[in-house]
Structures are given as C-alpha cells and as structure tokens.
Amino acid sequence: MSTHSTYDLLRHLADSWGLVVMTVIFLGLSAWPFRPGARPLNHEAATSIFKDETDV
C-alpha cells in the first residue's frame, strides 16, 4: 500500500464515518445531563459555589 492510497483511505474514512462518529459523540454528550438520574448531581454542581457561604 503506497502513501498516496493510505492518505486517500484515511481521508475517505474521515469524510464519511468520522462525521458520523463525531455527531454521535456530540449528541451523547449533549443528552448526558438530561438523563433521569442526573438531577441530584446537576443540582449539587449548580449549588456547589454556595457551599461554604453562610447567611448572615
């Protein structure tokens, strides 16, 4: 296999399947915070900056 054909193969894979893989990863990471068991973790992360603060 020559260098030129290896480049063509990798370019074809990146153009076709690379886009599909990146789209699936993006959608998975975008949906991750909205899964059913994530509410307590999201609330903890959102309020963690107030953890050491006391009301005066």
N, C-alpha and C. Protein backbone atom coordinates (compact mmCIF):
# COMPACT_ATOMS: atom_id res chain seq x y z
N MET A 1 0.84 -1.17 0.00
CA MET A 1 0.00 0.00 0.00
C MET A 1 0.89 1.24 0.00
N SER A 2 0.69 2.09 -0.94
CA SER A 2 1.54 3.28 -1.03
C SER A 2 1.02 4.37 -0.11
N THR A 3 1.83 5.41 0.07
CA THR A 3 1.46 6.51 0.93
C THR A 3 0.23 7.23 0.40
N HIS A 4 0.17 7.37 -0.91
CA HIS A 4 -0.96 8.07 -1.51
C HIS A 4 -2.27 7.33 -1.26
N SER A 5 -2.27 6.03 -1.39
CA SER A 5 -3.51 5.28 -1.17
C SER A 5 -3.89 5.25 0.31
N THR A 6 -2.91 5.26 1.21
CA THR A 6 -3.21 5.32 2.64
C THR A 6 -3.86 6.65 2.97
N TYR A 7 -3.33 7.71 2.40
CA TYR A 7 -3.92 9.03 2.61
C TYR A 7 -5.36 9.06 2.09
N ASP A 8 -5.58 8.52 0.90
CA ASP A 8 -6.92 8.51 0.32
C ASP A 8 -7.89 7.71 1.19
N LEU A 9 -7.43 6.58 1.71
CA LEU A 9 -8.27 5.76 2.58
C LEU A 9 -8.64 6.51 3.85
N LEU A 10 -7.65 7.11 4.50
CA LEU A 10 -7.91 7.85 5.73
C LEU A 10 -8.80 9.07 5.48
N ARG A 11 -8.59 9.72 4.36
CA ARG A 11 -9.42 10.87 4.01
C ARG A 11 -10.86 10.45 3.79
N HIS A 12 -11.05 9.33 3.11
CA HIS A 12 -12.41 8.82 2.88
C HIS A 12 -13.08 8.46 4.20
N LEU A 13 -12.36 7.78 5.09
CA LEU A 13 -12.93 7.42 6.39
C LEU A 13 -13.28 8.66 7.21
N ALA A 14 -12.42 9.66 7.19
CA ALA A 14 -12.69 10.88 7.94
C ALA A 14 -13.88 11.63 7.36
N ASP A 15 -14.00 11.64 6.04
CA ASP A 15 -15.11 12.35 5.41
C ASP A 15 -16.45 11.66 5.64
N SER A 16 -16.45 10.34 5.70
CA SER A 16 -17.72 9.64 5.83
C SER A 16 -18.01 9.25 7.27
N TRP A 17 -17.25 8.32 7.81
CA TRP A 17 -17.53 7.80 9.14
C TRP A 17 -17.08 8.73 10.26
N GLY A 18 -16.10 9.55 10.01
CA GLY A 18 -15.64 10.50 11.03
C GLY A 18 -16.74 11.46 11.42
N LEU A 19 -17.48 11.94 10.45
CA LEU A 19 -18.58 12.86 10.73
C LEU A 19 -19.68 12.16 11.51
N VAL A 20 -19.97 10.93 11.16
CA VAL A 20 -20.99 10.16 11.87
C VAL A 20 -20.58 9.94 13.32
N VAL A 21 -19.34 9.55 13.54
CA VAL A 21 -18.85 9.29 14.90
C VAL A 21 -18.87 10.57 15.72
N MET A 22 -18.40 11.68 15.17
CA MET A 22 -18.39 12.94 15.91
C MET A 22 -19.81 13.41 16.22
N THR A 23 -20.76 13.18 15.32
CA THR A 23 -22.15 13.56 15.56
C THR A 23 -22.75 12.73 16.69
N VAL A 24 -22.48 11.43 16.69
CA VAL A 24 -23.00 10.56 17.75
C VAL A 24 -22.40 10.95 19.10
N ILE A 25 -21.11 11.23 19.13
CA ILE A 25 -20.47 11.65 20.38
C ILE A 25 -21.06 12.97 20.86
N PHE A 26 -21.25 13.92 19.97
CA PHE A 26 -21.83 15.21 20.34
C PHE A 26 -23.23 15.04 20.91
N LEU A 27 -24.06 14.25 20.24
CA LEU A 27 -25.43 14.05 20.72
C LEU A 27 -25.44 13.33 22.07
N GLY A 28 -24.56 12.36 22.24
CA GLY A 28 -24.48 11.65 23.51
C GLY A 28 -24.06 12.56 24.66
N LEU A 29 -23.05 13.38 24.42
CA LEU A 29 -22.59 14.30 25.46
C LEU A 29 -23.60 15.41 25.73
N SER A 30 -24.34 15.81 24.71
CA SER A 30 -25.37 16.83 24.90
C SER A 30 -26.56 16.29 25.69
N ALA A 31 -26.89 15.02 25.53
CA ALA A 31 -28.03 14.42 26.22
C ALA A 31 -27.66 13.92 27.61
N TRP A 32 -26.39 13.75 27.91
CA TRP A 32 -25.94 13.18 29.18
C TRP A 32 -26.51 13.89 30.41
N PRO A 33 -26.51 15.22 30.48
CA PRO A 33 -27.05 15.88 31.69
C PRO A 33 -28.56 15.72 31.86
N PHE A 34 -29.27 15.32 30.82
CA PHE A 34 -30.72 15.23 30.89
C PHE A 34 -31.22 13.82 31.18
N ARG A 35 -30.32 12.89 31.49
CA ARG A 35 -30.74 11.54 31.80
C ARG A 35 -31.49 11.55 33.14
N PRO A 36 -32.36 10.56 33.38
CA PRO A 36 -33.22 10.59 34.56
C PRO A 36 -32.50 10.68 35.91
N GLY A 37 -31.39 10.01 36.11
CA GLY A 37 -30.74 10.01 37.41
C GLY A 37 -29.78 11.16 37.64
N ALA A 38 -29.72 12.11 36.75
CA ALA A 38 -28.72 13.16 36.85
C ALA A 38 -29.19 14.40 37.62
N ARG A 39 -30.45 14.48 37.95
CA ARG A 39 -30.97 15.68 38.61
C ARG A 39 -30.24 16.01 39.91
N PRO A 40 -30.03 15.07 40.83
CA PRO A 40 -29.32 15.42 42.07
C PRO A 40 -27.88 15.87 41.81
N LEU A 41 -27.20 15.23 40.90
CA LEU A 41 -25.82 15.62 40.58
C LEU A 41 -25.77 17.00 39.95
N ASN A 42 -26.72 17.29 39.07
CA ASN A 42 -26.76 18.61 38.45
C ASN A 42 -27.06 19.69 39.48
N HIS A 43 -27.97 19.40 40.40
CA HIS A 43 -28.30 20.38 41.44
C HIS A 43 -27.10 20.62 42.35
N GLU A 44 -26.39 19.55 42.70
CA GLU A 44 -25.20 19.69 43.54
C GLU A 44 -24.13 20.52 42.83
N ALA A 45 -23.92 20.28 41.55
CA ALA A 45 -22.93 21.03 40.79
C ALA A 45 -23.34 22.50 40.66
N ALA A 46 -24.62 22.75 40.50
CA ALA A 46 -25.09 24.12 40.33
C ALA A 46 -25.00 24.93 41.62
N THR A 47 -25.15 24.28 42.76
CA THR A 47 -25.13 25.00 44.04
C THR A 47 -23.82 24.85 44.79
N SER A 48 -22.83 24.21 44.22
CA SER A 48 -21.57 23.97 44.94
C SER A 48 -20.80 25.25 45.23
N ILE A 49 -21.03 26.30 44.45
CA ILE A 49 -20.30 27.55 44.72
C ILE A 49 -20.80 28.23 46.00
N PHE A 50 -21.99 27.85 46.47
CA PHE A 50 -22.55 28.44 47.69
C PHE A 50 -22.33 27.55 48.91
N LYS A 51 -21.55 26.50 48.77
CA LYS A 51 -21.38 25.50 49.83
C LYS A 51 -20.81 26.11 51.11
N ASP A 52 -19.78 26.94 51.00
CA ASP A 52 -19.12 27.49 52.18
C ASP A 52 -19.69 28.83 52.61
N GLU A 53 -20.69 29.30 51.94
CA GLU A 53 -21.27 30.59 52.24
C GLU A 53 -22.31 30.44 53.36
N THR A 54 -22.27 31.32 54.33
CA THR A 54 -23.27 31.27 55.39
C THR A 54 -24.11 32.55 55.33
N ASP A 55 -25.38 32.39 55.60
CA ASP A 55 -26.27 33.56 55.62
C ASP A 55 -26.06 34.33 56.90
N VAL A 56 -25.90 35.63 56.76
CA VAL A 56 -25.64 36.46 57.93
C VAL A 56 -26.87 37.26 58.27
